[in-house]
């Protein structure tokens, strides 16, 4: 029996087999603009064309608008100005060298500046048909690096752990309150709390397991518990090779991980599926790095089929690119080939 997208996704999250493997289509602005131009479709038409089983809702920022400094291209809600391609790199670290008192006294944003008023109508229009994602993106690890500087932040985990605890605590206080406003307004028409932090690199985790458990797991638990309190599944975006960290994420009840990158150290798909596939939903795994960008449609089709054979048994798998933001240089025909292969080879019988 053919399922709706929502039924398909939630069945996969229960580690049961739906009618077919769900599809996830995340894309960069550049790739999406190319799709609009080439295919002459609007956003919803493109998502239907690719077979995306998900839809995303966002709150509106109503807080103060930052006057960008010369050369700045973007400013975070925490007052860090950035420059460069995309979101760029921080131009300064306003909490470098800060003590606990300075962290407490910092001008933290007010969660009331997050306006969820338009979310309910948008999510309600999709509810029942698609799996709806919501909540604040909550990249507290990246924000902490912006505010203090990565080298200093890592050193102070050893030398002044209480300072790092205070910094992370304020960041999660804001993000949890922001998501709570969203969920209070529309949790009954949202299915999944989706947030993101990148804890892996091409060569493995950026943080050792012991330090990850000490500093990050308590904060991540707050987000996971928040989503579950509203009856939502919780999925975290995490790039890179982070396999050693997965057991601790399972322990706090995280339901899903996006986007699995098989080209990174330790991210062997057979091992991930065997070790964690009955307790963690994996999203992604079709190699963006070597296959989608540089391959042919025939290679994409072959590699997508190989991924499906490994990851789809028993449910708990969502098919998509190994990096959420499919880059502009990715051939459109390769992305089409990936999703066509999922629809052909991702059927459960």
C-alpha atoms as a PDB file:
ATOM      1  CA  UNK A   1       0.000   0.000   0.000  1.00  0.00           C
ATOM      2  CA  UNK A   2       1.359   3.426  -0.950  1.00  0.00           C
ATOM      3  CA  UNK A   3       2.072   5.601   2.082  1.00  0.00           C
ATOM      4  CA  UNK A   4       2.044   9.362   2.421  1.00  0.00           C
ATOM      5  CA  UNK A   5       5.447  10.967   2.849  1.00  0.00           C
ATOM      6  CA  UNK A   6       4.724  11.535   6.532  1.00  0.00           C
ATOM      7  CA  UNK A   7       3.739   7.916   7.102  1.00  0.00           C
ATOM      8  CA  UNK A   8       6.817   6.749   5.199  1.00  0.00           C
ATOM      9  CA  UNK A   9       9.210   8.877   7.261  1.00  0.00           C
ATOM     10  CA  UNK A  10       7.670   8.110  10.648  1.00  0.00           C
ATOM     11  CA  UNK A  11       7.645   4.389   9.857  1.00  0.00           C
ATOM     12  CA  UNK A  12      11.374   4.603   9.113  1.00  0.00           C
ATOM     13  CA  UNK A  13      11.872   6.397  12.441  1.00  0.00           C
ATOM     14  CA  UNK A  14      10.209   3.458  14.170  1.00  0.00           C
ATOM     15  CA  UNK A  15      12.805   1.175  12.530  1.00  0.00           C
ATOM     16  CA  UNK A  16      10.146  -0.532  10.506  1.00  0.00           C
ATOM     17  CA  UNK A  17       9.959  -0.921   6.743  1.00  0.00           C
ATOM     18  CA  UNK A  18       7.667   1.537   4.922  1.00  0.00           C
ATOM     19  CA  UNK A  19       6.551   1.170   1.305  1.00  0.00           C
ATOM     20  CA  UNK A  20       9.863   2.594   0.106  1.00  0.00           C
ATOM     21  CA  UNK A  21      12.919   4.356   1.472  1.00  0.00           C
ATOM     22  CA  UNK A  22      12.096   8.017   2.248  1.00  0.00           C
ATOM     23  CA  UNK A  23      13.893  10.711   0.224  1.00  0.00           C
ATOM     24  CA  UNK A  24      15.626  13.819   1.552  1.00  0.00           C
ATOM     25  CA  UNK A  25      16.476  16.670  -0.811  1.00  0.00           C
ATOM     26  CA  UNK A  26      18.638  19.347   0.777  1.00  0.00           C
ATOM     27  CA  UNK A  27      20.308  21.843  -1.530  1.00  0.00           C
ATOM     28  CA  UNK A  28      22.424  24.978  -1.553  1.00  0.00           C
ATOM     29  CA  UNK A  29      20.889  28.196  -2.766  1.00  0.00           C
ATOM     30  CA  UNK A  30      23.102  28.006  -5.847  1.00  0.00           C
ATOM     31  CA  UNK A  31      21.955  24.514  -6.814  1.00  0.00           C
ATOM     32  CA  UNK A  32      18.323  25.350  -6.103  1.00  0.00           C
ATOM     33  CA  UNK A  33      18.505  28.473  -8.264  1.00  0.00           C
ATOM     34  CA  UNK A  34      19.973  26.371 -11.063  1.00  0.00           C
ATOM     35  CA  UNK A  35      17.098  23.908 -10.723  1.00  0.00           C
ATOM     36  CA  UNK A  36      14.527  26.705 -10.875  1.00  0.00           C
ATOM     37  CA  UNK A  37      16.148  28.081 -14.017  1.00  0.00           C
ATOM     38  CA  UNK A  38      16.673  24.796 -15.850  1.00  0.00           C
ATOM     39  CA  UNK A  39      13.417  23.087 -14.879  1.00  0.00           C
ATOM     40  CA  UNK A  40      11.258  26.239 -14.751  1.00  0.00           C
ATOM     41  CA  UNK A  41       9.623  25.212 -11.461  1.00  0.00           C
ATOM     42  CA  UNK A  42       8.931  26.907  -8.139  1.00  0.00           C
ATOM     43  CA  UNK A  43      10.164  25.539  -4.809  1.00  0.00           C
ATOM     44  CA  UNK A  44       7.224  23.241  -4.215  1.00  0.00           C
ATOM     45  CA  UNK A  45       7.305  21.984  -7.780  1.00  0.00           C
ATOM     46  CA  UNK A  46      10.983  21.107  -7.412  1.00  0.00           C
ATOM     47  CA  UNK A  47      10.435  19.233  -4.163  1.00  0.00           C
ATOM     48  CA  UNK A  48       7.657  17.217  -5.760  1.00  0.00           C
ATOM     49  CA  UNK A  49       9.829  16.594  -8.819  1.00  0.00           C
ATOM     50  CA  UNK A  50      12.661  15.193  -6.700  1.00  0.00           C
ATOM     51  CA  UNK A  51      10.253  13.267  -4.462  1.00  0.00           C
ATOM     52  CA  UNK A  52      11.285  14.995  -1.239  1.00  0.00           C
ATOM     53  CA  UNK A  53       9.334  13.516   1.685  1.00  0.00           C
ATOM     54  CA  UNK A  54      10.129  16.467   4.003  1.00  0.00           C
ATOM     55  CA  UNK A  55       9.101  20.088   4.407  1.00  0.00           C
ATOM     56  CA  UNK A  56      10.704  22.683   6.693  1.00  0.00           C
ATOM     57  CA  UNK A  57       9.201  25.591   8.635  1.00  0.00           C
ATOM     58  CA  UNK A  58      11.138  28.527  10.061  1.00  0.00           C
ATOM     59  CA  UNK A  59      10.397  31.239  12.577  1.00  0.00           C
ATOM     60  CA  UNK A  60      10.912  34.889  11.673  1.00  0.00           C
ATOM     61  CA  UNK A  61      13.628  36.992  13.327  1.00  0.00           C
ATOM     62  CA  UNK A  62      12.225  40.298  14.606  1.00  0.00           C
ATOM     63  CA  UNK A  63      15.184  41.402  16.696  1.00  0.00           C
ATOM     64  CA  UNK A  64      17.527  44.324  16.100  1.00  0.00           C
ATOM     65  CA  UNK A  65      19.201  44.488  12.713  1.00  0.00           C
ATOM     66  CA  UNK A  66      22.990  44.717  13.009  1.00  0.00           C
ATOM     67  CA  UNK A  67      24.855  47.395  11.082  1.00  0.00           C
ATOM     68  CA  UNK A  68      27.496  45.412   9.224  1.00  0.00           C
ATOM     69  CA  UNK A  69      31.088  46.570   9.522  1.00  0.00           C
ATOM     70  CA  UNK A  70      33.073  47.273   6.337  1.00  0.00           C
ATOM     71  CA  UNK A  71      33.783  43.947   4.646  1.00  0.00           C
ATOM     72  CA  UNK A  72      31.240  41.990   6.700  1.00  0.00           C
ATOM     73  CA  UNK A  73      28.702  39.899   4.819  1.00  0.00           C
ATOM     74  CA  UNK A  74      26.646  38.411   7.653  1.00  0.00           C
ATOM     75  CA  UNK A  75      26.036  38.770  11.406  1.00  0.00           C
ATOM     76  CA  UNK A  76      24.876  36.069  13.820  1.00  0.00           C
ATOM     77  CA  UNK A  77      22.172  36.634  16.424  1.00  0.00           C
ATOM     78  CA  UNK A  78      24.995  36.707  18.993  1.00  0.00           C
ATOM     79  CA  UNK A  79      26.624  39.762  17.451  1.00  0.00           C
ATOM     80  CA  UNK A  80      29.481  38.086  15.598  1.00  0.00           C
ATOM     81  CA  UNK A  81      30.130  39.599  12.178  1.00  0.00           C
ATOM     82  CA  UNK A  82      31.418  37.331   9.426  1.00  0.00           C
ATOM     83  CA  UNK A  83      33.010  37.753   6.039  1.00  0.00           C
ATOM     84  CA  UNK A  84      33.717  35.526   3.048  1.00  0.00           C
ATOM     85  CA  UNK A  85      31.794  33.053   0.927  1.00  0.00           C
ATOM     86  CA  UNK A  86      28.441  31.884   2.228  1.00  0.00           C
ATOM     87  CA  UNK A  87      28.236  32.561   5.952  1.00  0.00           C
ATOM     88  CA  UNK A  88      31.974  33.272   5.929  1.00  0.00           C
ATOM     89  CA  UNK A  89      34.332  33.282   8.893  1.00  0.00           C
ATOM     90  CA  UNK A  90      34.168  35.404  12.067  1.00  0.00           C
ATOM     91  CA  UNK A  91      35.894  38.783  11.892  1.00  0.00           C
ATOM     92  CA  UNK A  92      36.271  38.961  15.677  1.00  0.00           C
ATOM     93  CA  UNK A  93      35.695  36.877  18.833  1.00  0.00           C
ATOM     94  CA  UNK A  94      33.878  39.132  21.321  1.00  0.00           C
ATOM     95  CA  UNK A  95      34.252  36.708  24.249  1.00  0.00           C
ATOM     96  CA  UNK A  96      37.929  35.898  23.724  1.00  0.00           C
ATOM     97  CA  UNK A  97      39.565  35.987  27.147  1.00  0.00           C
ATOM     98  CA  UNK A  98      36.221  36.461  28.914  1.00  0.00           C
ATOM     99  CA  UNK A  99      35.641  35.217  32.451  1.00  0.00           C
ATOM    100  CA  UNK A 100      32.406  33.838  33.830  1.00  0.00           C
ATOM    101  CA  UNK A 101      31.110  37.268  34.888  1.00  0.00           C
ATOM    102  CA  UNK A 102      31.749  38.727  31.427  1.00  0.00           C
ATOM    103  CA  UNK A 103      29.950  35.768  29.859  1.00  0.00           C
ATOM    104  CA  UNK A 104      26.931  36.242  32.124  1.00  0.00           C
ATOM    105  CA  UNK A 105      26.923  39.988  31.382  1.00  0.00           C
ATOM    106  CA  UNK A 106      27.208  39.593  27.618  1.00  0.00           C
ATOM    107  CA  UNK A 107      24.361  41.028  25.524  1.00  0.00           C
ATOM    108  CA  UNK A 108      22.563  37.760  24.775  1.00  0.00           C
ATOM    109  CA  UNK A 109      19.647  37.865  22.310  1.00  0.00           C
ATOM    110  CA  UNK A 110      16.105  37.721  23.626  1.00  0.00           C
ATOM    111  CA  UNK A 111      14.220  34.561  22.522  1.00  0.00           C
ATOM    112  CA  UNK A 112      11.115  36.767  22.265  1.00  0.00           C
ATOM    113  CA  UNK A 113      12.689  38.168  19.097  1.00  0.00           C
ATOM    114  CA  UNK A 114      11.934  34.804  17.450  1.00  0.00           C
ATOM    115  CA  UNK A 115       8.465  35.162  15.955  1.00  0.00           C
ATOM    116  CA  UNK A 116       6.704  31.824  15.273  1.00  0.00           C
ATOM    117  CA  UNK A 117       3.382  33.383  14.285  1.00  0.00           C
ATOM    118  CA  UNK A 118       3.481  32.288  10.640  1.00  0.00           C
ATOM    119  CA  UNK A 119       4.616  28.745  11.279  1.00  0.00           C
ATOM    120  CA  UNK A 120       1.339  27.135  12.173  1.00  0.00           C
ATOM    121  CA  UNK A 121      -0.455  27.954   8.936  1.00  0.00           C
ATOM    122  CA  UNK A 122       2.477  26.803   6.805  1.00  0.00           C
ATOM    123  CA  UNK A 123       2.993  23.558   8.716  1.00  0.00           C
ATOM    124  CA  UNK A 124      -0.722  22.807   8.866  1.00  0.00           C
ATOM    125  CA  UNK A 125      -0.941  22.954   5.069  1.00  0.00           C
ATOM    126  CA  UNK A 126       1.667  20.174   4.848  1.00  0.00           C
ATOM    127  CA  UNK A 127       0.679  18.197   7.933  1.00  0.00           C
ATOM    128  CA  UNK A 128      -0.513  14.684   7.213  1.00  0.00           C
ATOM    129  CA  UNK A 129       1.103  14.590   3.790  1.00  0.00           C
ATOM    130  CA  UNK A 130       4.772  15.402   4.438  1.00  0.00           C
ATOM    131  CA  UNK A 131       7.097  14.990   7.407  1.00  0.00           C
ATOM    132  CA  UNK A 132       7.412  18.524   8.773  1.00  0.00           C
ATOM    133  CA  UNK A 133      10.685  19.707  10.304  1.00  0.00           C
ATOM    134  CA  UNK A 134      10.805  22.559  12.803  1.00  0.00           C
ATOM    135  CA  UNK A 135      12.744  24.144  15.631  1.00  0.00           C
ATOM    136  CA  UNK A 136      15.739  26.451  15.851  1.00  0.00           C
ATOM    137  CA  UNK A 137      18.898  25.272  14.063  1.00  0.00           C
ATOM    138  CA  UNK A 138      20.789  25.634  17.379  1.00  0.00           C
ATOM    139  CA  UNK A 139      24.458  25.447  16.236  1.00  0.00           C
ATOM    140  CA  UNK A 140      25.804  26.202  19.719  1.00  0.00           C
ATOM    141  CA  UNK A 141      29.236  24.628  19.061  1.00  0.00           C
ATOM    142  CA  UNK A 142      29.798  26.860  16.034  1.00  0.00           C
ATOM    143  CA  UNK A 143      28.528  29.902  17.917  1.00  0.00           C
ATOM    144  CA  UNK A 144      30.890  29.199  20.812  1.00  0.00           C
ATOM    145  CA  UNK A 145      33.796  29.045  18.340  1.00  0.00           C
ATOM    146  CA  UNK A 146      32.671  32.365  16.861  1.00  0.00           C
ATOM    147  CA  UNK A 147      32.400  34.004  20.264  1.00  0.00           C
ATOM    148  CA  UNK A 148      35.631  32.740  21.838  1.00  0.00           C
ATOM    149  CA  UNK A 149      37.818  31.351  19.052  1.00  0.00           C
ATOM    150  CA  UNK A 150      38.335  27.629  18.490  1.00  0.00           C
ATOM    151  CA  UNK A 151      41.841  27.298  19.922  1.00  0.00           C
ATOM    152  CA  UNK A 152      40.981  29.216  23.077  1.00  0.00           C
ATOM    153  CA  UNK A 153      37.717  27.318  23.494  1.00  0.00           C
ATOM    154  CA  UNK A 154      39.468  23.950  23.298  1.00  0.00           C
ATOM    155  CA  UNK A 155      42.221  24.980  25.716  1.00  0.00           C
ATOM    156  CA  UNK A 156      39.739  26.317  28.245  1.00  0.00           C
ATOM    157  CA  UNK A 157      37.899  22.989  28.242  1.00  0.00           C
ATOM    158  CA  UNK A 158      41.008  21.724  30.030  1.00  0.00           C
ATOM    159  CA  UNK A 159      42.073  24.824  31.974  1.00  0.00           C
ATOM    160  CA  UNK A 160      38.765  26.527  32.840  1.00  0.00           C
ATOM    161  CA  UNK A 161      35.896  24.081  32.231  1.00  0.00           C
ATOM    162  CA  UNK A 162      33.484  26.217  34.231  1.00  0.00           C
ATOM    163  CA  UNK A 163      33.913  29.042  31.699  1.00  0.00           C
ATOM    164  CA  UNK A 164      33.003  26.738  28.804  1.00  0.00           C
ATOM    165  CA  UNK A 165      30.021  25.414  30.755  1.00  0.00           C
ATOM    166  CA  UNK A 166      28.783  28.978  31.241  1.00  0.00           C
ATOM    167  CA  UNK A 167      29.208  29.812  27.550  1.00  0.00           C
ATOM    168  CA  UNK A 168      27.448  26.666  26.344  1.00  0.00           C
ATOM    169  CA  UNK A 169      24.743  27.145  28.952  1.00  0.00           C
ATOM    170  CA  UNK A 170      23.807  30.608  27.709  1.00  0.00           C
ATOM    171  CA  UNK A 171      23.762  29.449  24.104  1.00  0.00           C
ATOM    172  CA  UNK A 172      21.488  26.497  24.864  1.00  0.00           C
ATOM    173  CA  UNK A 173      19.287  28.680  27.072  1.00  0.00           C
ATOM    174  CA  UNK A 174      18.612  30.855  24.041  1.00  0.00           C
ATOM    175  CA  UNK A 175      18.144  28.029  21.547  1.00  0.00           C
ATOM    176  CA  UNK A 176      15.925  25.973  23.831  1.00  0.00           C
ATOM    177  CA  UNK A 177      13.708  28.988  24.524  1.00  0.00           C
ATOM    178  CA  UNK A 178      13.563  29.805  20.807  1.00  0.00           C
ATOM    179  CA  UNK A 179      12.477  26.275  19.897  1.00  0.00           C
ATOM    180  CA  UNK A 180      10.013  26.209  22.772  1.00  0.00           C
ATOM    181  CA  UNK A 181       8.288  29.267  21.292  1.00  0.00           C
ATOM    182  CA  UNK A 182       8.051  27.458  17.954  1.00  0.00           C
ATOM    183  CA  UNK A 183       6.728  24.256  19.499  1.00  0.00           C
ATOM    184  CA  UNK A 184       4.243  26.063  21.719  1.00  0.00           C
ATOM    185  CA  UNK A 185       2.812  27.601  18.570  1.00  0.00           C
ATOM    186  CA  UNK A 186       2.799  24.570  16.276  1.00  0.00           C
ATOM    187  CA  UNK A 187       4.164  21.313  17.727  1.00  0.00           C
ATOM    188  CA  UNK A 188       0.993  19.436  16.847  1.00  0.00           C
ATOM    189  CA  UNK A 189       1.641  20.045  13.122  1.00  0.00           C
ATOM    190  CA  UNK A 190       5.416  19.452  13.301  1.00  0.00           C
ATOM    191  CA  UNK A 191       6.884  15.948  13.268  1.00  0.00           C
ATOM    192  CA  UNK A 192      10.637  16.319  13.758  1.00  0.00           C
ATOM    193  CA  UNK A 193      12.841  18.723  15.720  1.00  0.00           C
ATOM    194  CA  UNK A 194      15.806  19.214  13.378  1.00  0.00           C
ATOM    195  CA  UNK A 195      18.946  21.009  14.543  1.00  0.00           C
ATOM    196  CA  UNK A 196      22.606  20.960  13.584  1.00  0.00           C
ATOM    197  CA  UNK A 197      26.187  20.973  14.840  1.00  0.00           C
ATOM    198  CA  UNK A 198      29.261  19.595  13.069  1.00  0.00           C
ATOM    199  CA  UNK A 199      31.387  17.443  15.355  1.00  0.00           C
ATOM    200  CA  UNK A 200      33.306  15.507  12.696  1.00  0.00           C
ATOM    201  CA  UNK A 201      36.063  16.175  10.187  1.00  0.00           C
ATOM    202  CA  UNK A 202      37.251  14.224   7.166  1.00  0.00           C
ATOM    203  CA  UNK A 203      39.703  12.421   9.468  1.00  0.00           C
ATOM    204  CA  UNK A 204      37.430  11.750  12.458  1.00  0.00           C
ATOM    205  CA  UNK A 205      35.790  13.540  15.419  1.00  0.00           C
ATOM    206  CA  UNK A 206      36.826  17.087  16.254  1.00  0.00           C
ATOM    207  CA  UNK A 207      36.372  16.252  19.949  1.00  0.00           C
ATOM    208  CA  UNK A 208      37.438  13.105  21.805  1.00  0.00           C
ATOM    209  CA  UNK A 209      34.697  10.961  23.284  1.00  0.00           C
ATOM    210  CA  UNK A 210      35.509  11.829  26.911  1.00  0.00           C
ATOM    211  CA  UNK A 211      35.413  15.583  26.273  1.00  0.00           C
ATOM    212  CA  UNK A 212      32.316  15.187  24.124  1.00  0.00           C
ATOM    213  CA  UNK A 213      30.526  13.450  26.973  1.00  0.00           C
ATOM    214  CA  UNK A 214      31.738  16.046  29.492  1.00  0.00           C
ATOM    215  CA  UNK A 215      30.838  19.236  27.620  1.00  0.00           C
ATOM    216  CA  UNK A 216      28.461  18.471  24.760  1.00  0.00           C
ATOM    217  CA  UNK A 217      26.214  15.609  25.821  1.00  0.00           C
ATOM    218  CA  UNK A 218      24.571  17.562  28.699  1.00  0.00           C
ATOM    219  CA  UNK A 219      23.688  20.380  26.282  1.00  0.00           C
ATOM    220  CA  UNK A 220      22.516  18.056  23.527  1.00  0.00           C
ATOM    221  CA  UNK A 221      20.397  16.184  26.062  1.00  0.00           C
ATOM    222  CA  UNK A 222      18.539  19.428  26.787  1.00  0.00           C
ATOM    223  CA  UNK A 223      17.615  19.759  23.113  1.00  0.00           C
ATOM    224  CA  UNK A 224      16.675  16.097  22.693  1.00  0.00           C
ATOM    225  CA  UNK A 225      14.542  16.133  25.842  1.00  0.00           C
ATOM    226  CA  UNK A 226      12.855  19.328  24.671  1.00  0.00           C
ATOM    227  CA  UNK A 227      11.809  17.765  21.369  1.00  0.00           C
ATOM    228  CA  UNK A 228      10.579  14.601  23.045  1.00  0.00           C
ATOM    229  CA  UNK A 229       8.585  16.617  25.590  1.00  0.00           C
ATOM    230  CA  UNK A 230       6.530  17.933  22.670  1.00  0.00           C
ATOM    231  CA  UNK A 231       6.080  14.457  21.191  1.00  0.00           C
ATOM    232  CA  UNK A 232       8.535  15.052  18.328  1.00  0.00           C
ATOM    233  CA  UNK A 233      11.244  12.893  16.838  1.00  0.00           C
ATOM    234  CA  UNK A 234      14.665  14.550  17.077  1.00  0.00           C
ATOM    235  CA  UNK A 235      17.252  14.525  14.292  1.00  0.00           C
ATOM    236  CA  UNK A 236      20.642  16.232  14.339  1.00  0.00           C
ATOM    237  CA  UNK A 237      22.733  17.304  11.369  1.00  0.00           C
ATOM    238  CA  UNK A 238      26.392  16.423  11.873  1.00  0.00           C
ATOM    239  CA  UNK A 239      29.035  16.441   9.153  1.00  0.00           C
ATOM    240  CA  UNK A 240      32.220  14.393   9.026  1.00  0.00           C
ATOM    241  CA  UNK A 241      33.521  11.287  10.701  1.00  0.00           C
ATOM    242  CA  UNK A 242      31.913  11.074  14.137  1.00  0.00           C
ATOM    243  CA  UNK A 243      31.242   7.338  14.595  1.00  0.00           C
ATOM    244  CA  UNK A 244      32.901   7.141  18.063  1.00  0.00           C
ATOM    245  CA  UNK A 245      30.398   9.715  19.327  1.00  0.00           C
ATOM    246  CA  UNK A 246      27.271   7.844  18.194  1.00  0.00           C
ATOM    247  CA  UNK A 247      26.910   5.615  21.310  1.00  0.00           C
ATOM    248  CA  UNK A 248      26.642   8.674  23.556  1.00  0.00           C
ATOM    249  CA  UNK A 249      24.042  10.198  21.225  1.00  0.00           C
ATOM    250  CA  UNK A 250      21.998   6.998  21.370  1.00  0.00           C
ATOM    251  CA  UNK A 251      22.188   7.081  25.171  1.00  0.00           C
ATOM    252  CA  UNK A 252      20.484  10.500  25.324  1.00  0.00           C
ATOM    253  CA  UNK A 253      17.730   9.339  22.989  1.00  0.00           C
ATOM    254  CA  UNK A 254      18.620  11.118  19.748  1.00  0.00           C
ATOM    255  CA  UNK A 255      16.457   9.543  17.053  1.00  0.00           C
ATOM    256  CA  UNK A 256      18.264  10.375  13.814  1.00  0.00           C
ATOM    257  CA  UNK A 257      21.542  11.596  12.306  1.00  0.00           C
ATOM    258  CA  UNK A 258      21.945  13.592   9.117  1.00  0.00           C
ATOM    259  CA  UNK A 259      23.934  13.532   6.808  1.00  0.00           C
ATOM    260  CA  UNK A 260      26.056  10.374   6.799  1.00  0.00           C
ATOM    261  CA  UNK A 261      29.310  10.908   4.861  1.00  0.00           C
ATOM    262  CA  UNK A 262      30.806   7.537   3.866  1.00  0.00           C
ATOM    263  CA  UNK A 263      33.978   9.168   2.523  1.00  0.00           C
ATOM    264  CA  UNK A 264      35.000  10.243   6.051  1.00  0.00           C
ATOM    265  CA  UNK A 265      37.129   8.168   8.400  1.00  0.00           C
ATOM    266  CA  UNK A 266      35.159   5.608  10.403  1.00  0.00           C
ATOM    267  CA  UNK A 267      31.904   6.067   8.490  1.00  0.00           C
ATOM    268  CA  UNK A 268      31.791   2.668   6.809  1.00  0.00           C
ATOM    269  CA  UNK A 269      28.148   2.082   5.990  1.00  0.00           C
ATOM    270  CA  UNK A 270      28.097  -1.635   6.731  1.00  0.00           C
ATOM    271  CA  UNK A 271      29.625  -1.041  10.133  1.00  0.00           C
ATOM    272  CA  UNK A 272      27.255   1.825  10.965  1.00  0.00           C
ATOM    273  CA  UNK A 273      24.230  -0.219   9.972  1.00  0.00           C
ATOM    274  CA  UNK A 274      25.384  -3.313  11.892  1.00  0.00           C
ATOM    275  CA  UNK A 275      26.393  -1.440  15.049  1.00  0.00           C
ATOM    276  CA  UNK A 276      23.694   1.212  15.322  1.00  0.00           C
ATOM    277  CA  UNK A 277      21.059   0.690  12.622  1.00  0.00           C
ATOM    278  CA  UNK A 278      18.445  -0.702  15.001  1.00  0.00           C
ATOM    279  CA  UNK A 279      18.722   2.314  17.339  1.00  0.00           C
ATOM    280  CA  UNK A 280      19.611   5.287  15.127  1.00  0.00           C
ATOM    281  CA  UNK A 281      18.018   6.532  11.916  1.00  0.00           C
ATOM    282  CA  UNK A 282      20.662   7.381   9.330  1.00  0.00           C
ATOM    283  CA  UNK A 283      19.975  10.058   6.722  1.00  0.00           C
ATOM    284  CA  UNK A 284      22.165  10.612   3.633  1.00  0.00           C
ATOM    285  CA  UNK A 285      25.060   8.325   2.616  1.00  0.00           C
ATOM    286  CA  UNK A 286      25.027   8.819  -1.184  1.00  0.00           C
ATOM    287  CA  UNK A 287      28.515  10.249  -1.641  1.00  0.00           C
ATOM    288  CA  UNK A 288      28.436  13.926  -2.634  1.00  0.00           C
ATOM    289  CA  UNK A 289      32.217  14.217  -2.506  1.00  0.00           C
ATOM    290  CA  UNK A 290      33.202  11.725  -5.206  1.00  0.00           C
ATOM    291  CA  UNK A 291      30.017  10.412  -6.813  1.00  0.00           C
ATOM    292  CA  UNK A 292      27.379  13.132  -7.147  1.00  0.00           C
ATOM    293  CA  UNK A 293      29.745  15.918  -8.187  1.00  0.00           C
ATOM    294  CA  UNK A 294      32.268  14.016 -10.300  1.00  0.00           C
ATOM    295  CA  UNK A 295      30.350  10.928 -11.426  1.00  0.00           C
ATOM    296  CA  UNK A 296      28.031  10.151 -14.295  1.00  0.00           C
ATOM    297  CA  UNK A 297      24.313   9.372 -13.957  1.00  0.00           C
ATOM    298  CA  UNK A 298      25.178   5.706 -14.519  1.00  0.00           C
ATOM    299  CA  UNK A 299      27.715   5.750 -11.644  1.00  0.00           C
ATOM    300  CA  UNK A 300      25.273   7.598  -9.388  1.00  0.00           C
ATOM    301  CA  UNK A 301      22.611   5.008 -10.100  1.00  0.00           C
ATOM    302  CA  UNK A 302      25.011   2.144  -9.342  1.00  0.00           C
ATOM    303  CA  UNK A 303      26.349   3.671  -6.115  1.00  0.00           C
ATOM    304  CA  UNK A 304      22.873   4.640  -4.899  1.00  0.00           C
ATOM    305  CA  UNK A 305      21.751   1.059  -5.376  1.00  0.00           C
ATOM    306  CA  UNK A 306      24.766  -0.167  -3.374  1.00  0.00           C
ATOM    307  CA  UNK A 307      23.936   2.211  -0.530  1.00  0.00           C
ATOM    308  CA  UNK A 308      20.319   1.092  -0.484  1.00  0.00           C
ATOM    309  CA  UNK A 309      21.273  -2.573  -0.325  1.00  0.00           C
ATOM    310  CA  UNK A 310      23.311  -1.852   2.806  1.00  0.00           C
ATOM    311  CA  UNK A 311      21.173   0.706   4.599  1.00  0.00           C
ATOM    312  CA  UNK A 312      17.514  -0.009   3.847  1.00  0.00           C
ATOM    313  CA  UNK A 313      16.894  -3.443   5.464  1.00  0.00           C
ATOM    314  CA  UNK A 314      14.713  -3.166   8.558  1.00  0.00           C
ATOM    315  CA  UNK A 315      13.906   0.516   8.017  1.00  0.00           C
ATOM    316  CA  UNK A 316      15.730   3.290   9.837  1.00  0.00           C
ATOM    317  CA  UNK A 317      17.195   4.810   6.683  1.00  0.00           C
ATOM    318  CA  UNK A 318      16.455   7.997   4.714  1.00  0.00           C
ATOM    319  CA  UNK A 319      18.133   8.358   1.316  1.00  0.00           C
ATOM    320  CA  UNK A 320      19.857  11.508   0.183  1.00  0.00           C
ATOM    321  CA  UNK A 321      23.172  13.171  -0.516  1.00  0.00           C
ATOM    322  CA  UNK A 322      25.990  12.808   1.997  1.00  0.00           C
ATOM    323  CA  UNK A 323      26.073  16.588   2.361  1.00  0.00           C
ATOM    324  CA  UNK A 324      22.780  18.355   2.846  1.00  0.00           C
ATOM    325  CA  UNK A 325      23.548  21.415   0.775  1.00  0.00           C
ATOM    326  CA  UNK A 326      23.987  19.887  -2.675  1.00  0.00           C
ATOM    327  CA  UNK A 327      26.447  22.312  -4.257  1.00  0.00           C
ATOM    328  CA  UNK A 328      25.809  24.352  -7.372  1.00  0.00           C
ATOM    329  CA  UNK A 329      28.487  22.481  -9.340  1.00  0.00           C
ATOM    330  CA  UNK A 330      26.664  19.174  -8.832  1.00  0.00           C
ATOM    331  CA  UNK A 331      25.193  18.095 -12.199  1.00  0.00           C
ATOM    332  CA  UNK A 332      21.417  18.217 -12.099  1.00  0.00           C
ATOM    333  CA  UNK A 333      21.215  14.943 -14.028  1.00  0.00           C
ATOM    334  CA  UNK A 334      23.177  13.218 -11.259  1.00  0.00           C
ATOM    335  CA  UNK A 335      20.756  14.350  -8.585  1.00  0.00           C
ATOM    336  CA  UNK A 336      17.843  13.211 -10.735  1.00  0.00           C
ATOM    337  CA  UNK A 337      19.578   9.839 -11.180  1.00  0.00           C
ATOM    338  CA  UNK A 338      19.986   9.464  -7.400  1.00  0.00           C
ATOM    339  CA  UNK A 339      16.312  10.005  -6.652  1.00  0.00           C
ATOM    340  CA  UNK A 340      15.174   7.869  -9.575  1.00  0.00           C
ATOM    341  CA  UNK A 341      17.364   5.051  -8.240  1.00  0.00           C
ATOM    342  CA  UNK A 342      15.817   5.403  -4.777  1.00  0.00           C
ATOM    343  CA  UNK A 343      12.330   5.121  -6.226  1.00  0.00           C
ATOM    344  CA  UNK A 344      13.339   2.091  -8.270  1.00  0.00           C
ATOM    345  CA  UNK A 345      15.587   0.162  -5.887  1.00  0.00           C
ATOM    346  CA  UNK A 346      14.333   1.466  -2.548  1.00  0.00           C
ATOM    347  CA  UNK A 347      11.028  -0.418  -2.588  1.00  0.00           C
ATOM    348  CA  UNK A 348      10.248  -2.733   0.301  1.00  0.00           C
ATOM    349  CA  UNK A 349       8.512  -5.946  -0.617  1.00  0.00           C
END
